[in-house]
N, C-alpha and C. Protein backbone atom coordinates (compact mmCIF):
# COMPACT_ATOMS: atom_id res chain seq x y z
N UNK A 1 -0.10 -31.68 -10.18
CA UNK A 1 0.14 -30.25 -10.03
C UNK A 1 -0.90 -29.50 -10.87
N UNK A 2 -1.50 -28.47 -10.31
CA UNK A 2 -2.52 -27.70 -11.03
C UNK A 2 -1.88 -26.79 -12.07
N UNK A 3 -2.70 -26.30 -12.98
CA UNK A 3 -2.21 -25.37 -14.00
C UNK A 3 -1.57 -24.14 -13.39
N UNK A 4 -2.18 -23.63 -12.34
CA UNK A 4 -1.63 -22.44 -11.67
C UNK A 4 -0.28 -22.77 -11.04
N UNK A 5 -0.17 -23.91 -10.38
CA UNK A 5 1.10 -24.31 -9.77
C UNK A 5 2.19 -24.47 -10.83
N UNK A 6 1.83 -25.05 -11.97
CA UNK A 6 2.79 -25.23 -13.05
C UNK A 6 3.26 -23.89 -13.60
N UNK A 7 2.31 -22.96 -13.79
CA UNK A 7 2.67 -21.67 -14.38
C UNK A 7 3.53 -20.83 -13.44
N UNK A 8 3.29 -20.93 -12.14
CA UNK A 8 4.02 -20.09 -11.18
C UNK A 8 5.29 -20.74 -10.65
N UNK A 9 5.52 -21.99 -11.02
CA UNK A 9 6.71 -22.71 -10.54
C UNK A 9 7.97 -21.94 -10.94
N UNK A 10 8.81 -21.67 -9.96
CA UNK A 10 10.07 -20.99 -10.22
C UNK A 10 9.96 -19.48 -10.30
N UNK A 11 8.76 -18.92 -10.14
CA UNK A 11 8.57 -17.47 -10.16
C UNK A 11 8.35 -17.02 -8.72
N UNK A 12 9.34 -16.35 -8.15
CA UNK A 12 9.23 -15.99 -6.72
C UNK A 12 8.13 -14.98 -6.45
N UNK A 13 7.58 -15.03 -5.25
CA UNK A 13 6.62 -14.01 -4.84
C UNK A 13 7.37 -12.69 -4.65
N UNK A 14 6.62 -11.60 -4.69
CA UNK A 14 7.20 -10.27 -4.54
C UNK A 14 6.28 -9.48 -3.61
N UNK A 15 6.79 -8.99 -2.48
CA UNK A 15 5.94 -8.28 -1.53
C UNK A 15 5.13 -7.16 -2.20
N UNK A 16 3.83 -7.14 -1.91
CA UNK A 16 2.95 -6.10 -2.43
C UNK A 16 2.41 -6.38 -3.82
N UNK A 17 2.71 -7.54 -4.39
CA UNK A 17 2.26 -7.87 -5.74
C UNK A 17 1.70 -9.28 -5.80
N UNK A 18 0.81 -9.50 -6.76
CA UNK A 18 0.34 -10.83 -7.13
C UNK A 18 1.12 -11.25 -8.37
N UNK A 19 1.23 -12.54 -8.57
CA UNK A 19 1.76 -13.06 -9.83
C UNK A 19 0.56 -13.42 -10.70
N UNK A 20 0.49 -12.83 -11.87
CA UNK A 20 -0.65 -13.05 -12.76
C UNK A 20 -0.16 -13.79 -13.99
N UNK A 21 -0.93 -14.77 -14.43
CA UNK A 21 -0.50 -15.60 -15.55
C UNK A 21 -1.43 -15.47 -16.75
N UNK A 22 -0.85 -15.62 -17.92
CA UNK A 22 -1.60 -15.67 -19.18
C UNK A 22 -1.01 -16.78 -20.02
N UNK A 23 -1.76 -17.68 -20.50
CA UNK A 23 -3.19 -17.84 -20.33
C UNK A 23 -3.55 -18.11 -18.87
N UNK A 24 -4.77 -17.73 -18.53
CA UNK A 24 -5.24 -17.88 -17.16
C UNK A 24 -5.28 -19.34 -16.75
N UNK A 25 -5.14 -19.56 -15.46
CA UNK A 25 -5.12 -20.91 -14.92
C UNK A 25 -6.43 -21.67 -15.19
N UNK A 26 -7.53 -20.96 -15.34
CA UNK A 26 -8.81 -21.63 -15.58
C UNK A 26 -8.91 -22.17 -17.01
N UNK A 27 -8.01 -21.75 -17.88
CA UNK A 27 -8.04 -22.17 -19.28
C UNK A 27 -7.25 -23.46 -19.47
N UNK A 28 -7.68 -24.26 -20.41
CA UNK A 28 -6.99 -25.51 -20.72
C UNK A 28 -5.53 -25.23 -21.09
N UNK A 29 -5.29 -24.10 -21.74
CA UNK A 29 -3.94 -23.75 -22.17
C UNK A 29 -3.07 -23.23 -21.04
N UNK A 30 -3.67 -22.94 -19.88
CA UNK A 30 -2.90 -22.42 -18.75
C UNK A 30 -1.97 -23.48 -18.19
N UNK A 31 -0.93 -23.03 -17.53
CA UNK A 31 0.01 -23.97 -16.92
C UNK A 31 1.42 -23.67 -17.34
N UNK A 32 2.22 -24.72 -17.49
CA UNK A 32 3.63 -24.56 -17.84
C UNK A 32 3.77 -23.71 -19.10
N UNK A 33 4.71 -22.78 -19.07
CA UNK A 33 4.96 -21.93 -20.23
C UNK A 33 4.15 -20.65 -20.25
N UNK A 34 3.30 -20.44 -19.24
CA UNK A 34 2.49 -19.23 -19.20
C UNK A 34 3.39 -18.00 -19.00
N UNK A 35 2.91 -16.86 -19.47
CA UNK A 35 3.60 -15.59 -19.25
C UNK A 35 3.18 -15.07 -17.88
N UNK A 36 4.14 -14.75 -17.03
CA UNK A 36 3.85 -14.31 -15.66
C UNK A 36 4.29 -12.87 -15.50
N UNK A 37 3.40 -12.05 -14.92
CA UNK A 37 3.71 -10.65 -14.63
C UNK A 37 3.35 -10.36 -13.18
N UNK A 38 4.08 -9.44 -12.58
CA UNK A 38 3.73 -8.95 -11.25
C UNK A 38 2.75 -7.81 -11.42
N UNK A 39 1.62 -7.89 -10.73
CA UNK A 39 0.58 -6.86 -10.82
C UNK A 39 0.08 -6.54 -9.42
N UNK A 40 -0.56 -5.37 -9.30
CA UNK A 40 -1.11 -5.01 -8.00
C UNK A 40 -2.26 -5.95 -7.66
N UNK A 41 -2.37 -6.32 -6.40
CA UNK A 41 -3.44 -7.25 -6.01
C UNK A 41 -4.84 -6.77 -6.38
N UNK A 42 -5.12 -5.47 -6.22
CA UNK A 42 -6.47 -4.99 -6.52
C UNK A 42 -6.79 -5.14 -8.00
N UNK A 43 -5.82 -4.87 -8.88
CA UNK A 43 -6.05 -5.04 -10.32
C UNK A 43 -6.26 -6.52 -10.66
N UNK A 44 -5.41 -7.37 -10.11
CA UNK A 44 -5.48 -8.79 -10.41
C UNK A 44 -6.79 -9.40 -9.92
N UNK A 45 -7.15 -9.11 -8.71
CA UNK A 45 -8.35 -9.72 -8.14
C UNK A 45 -9.62 -9.13 -8.72
N UNK A 46 -9.59 -7.84 -9.05
CA UNK A 46 -10.74 -7.22 -9.70
C UNK A 46 -10.97 -7.82 -11.08
N UNK A 47 -9.89 -8.00 -11.84
CA UNK A 47 -10.01 -8.59 -13.17
C UNK A 47 -10.45 -10.05 -13.07
N UNK A 48 -9.90 -10.77 -12.10
CA UNK A 48 -10.28 -12.18 -11.92
C UNK A 48 -11.74 -12.32 -11.56
N UNK A 49 -12.24 -11.41 -10.73
CA UNK A 49 -13.64 -11.43 -10.34
C UNK A 49 -14.53 -11.14 -11.55
N UNK A 50 -14.14 -10.16 -12.36
CA UNK A 50 -14.93 -9.81 -13.53
C UNK A 50 -14.98 -10.99 -14.51
N UNK A 51 -13.83 -11.60 -14.79
CA UNK A 51 -13.80 -12.75 -15.71
C UNK A 51 -14.64 -13.90 -15.15
N UNK A 52 -14.49 -14.16 -13.86
CA UNK A 52 -15.27 -15.23 -13.24
C UNK A 52 -16.77 -15.01 -13.38
N UNK A 53 -17.21 -13.76 -13.20
CA UNK A 53 -18.63 -13.44 -13.37
C UNK A 53 -19.08 -13.63 -14.81
N UNK A 54 -18.24 -13.23 -15.76
CA UNK A 54 -18.59 -13.37 -17.18
C UNK A 54 -18.71 -14.83 -17.58
N UNK A 55 -17.90 -15.69 -16.97
CA UNK A 55 -17.87 -17.10 -17.35
C UNK A 55 -18.77 -17.98 -16.48
N UNK A 56 -19.44 -17.40 -15.50
CA UNK A 56 -20.20 -18.20 -14.53
C UNK A 56 -21.34 -19.01 -15.15
N UNK A 57 -21.87 -18.59 -16.26
CA UNK A 57 -22.97 -19.31 -16.88
C UNK A 57 -22.55 -20.43 -17.82
N UNK A 58 -21.25 -20.59 -18.01
CA UNK A 58 -20.76 -21.59 -18.95
C UNK A 58 -20.37 -22.88 -18.23
N UNK A 59 -20.59 -24.00 -18.88
CA UNK A 59 -20.18 -25.30 -18.34
C UNK A 59 -18.68 -25.47 -18.53
N UNK A 60 -18.06 -26.29 -17.67
CA UNK A 60 -16.65 -26.64 -17.85
C UNK A 60 -16.45 -27.19 -19.25
N UNK A 61 -15.36 -26.79 -19.88
CA UNK A 61 -15.05 -27.27 -21.21
C UNK A 61 -15.57 -26.40 -22.33
N UNK A 62 -16.39 -25.39 -22.00
CA UNK A 62 -16.90 -24.48 -23.03
C UNK A 62 -15.75 -23.67 -23.60
N UNK A 63 -15.69 -23.56 -24.91
CA UNK A 63 -14.65 -22.77 -25.55
C UNK A 63 -15.06 -21.30 -25.51
N UNK A 64 -14.11 -20.46 -25.10
CA UNK A 64 -14.33 -19.02 -25.07
C UNK A 64 -13.18 -18.35 -25.79
N UNK A 65 -13.42 -17.14 -26.26
CA UNK A 65 -12.40 -16.37 -26.95
C UNK A 65 -12.25 -15.04 -26.23
N UNK A 66 -11.04 -14.74 -25.83
CA UNK A 66 -10.75 -13.48 -25.15
C UNK A 66 -10.20 -12.47 -26.15
N UNK A 67 -10.76 -11.26 -26.15
CA UNK A 67 -10.23 -10.17 -26.94
C UNK A 67 -9.50 -9.25 -25.98
N UNK A 68 -8.21 -9.06 -26.19
CA UNK A 68 -7.39 -8.23 -25.33
C UNK A 68 -7.07 -6.95 -26.07
N UNK A 69 -7.44 -5.83 -25.48
CA UNK A 69 -7.19 -4.54 -26.12
C UNK A 69 -6.17 -3.75 -25.34
């Protein structure tokens, strides 16, 4: 089971919303026990795209630090 599948297990879908997890599924810490929130799809996908672009130059396993304001 992937980290995303583990984190979203038991959290039902909600029409018009995405389920967003923290820590993100791409992180080693992602998966079971993640905090899940319902967010608008445009916000979730826009943020995911931005993070993906920021991390695109890093190799798998590179440690990164997120500052959340």
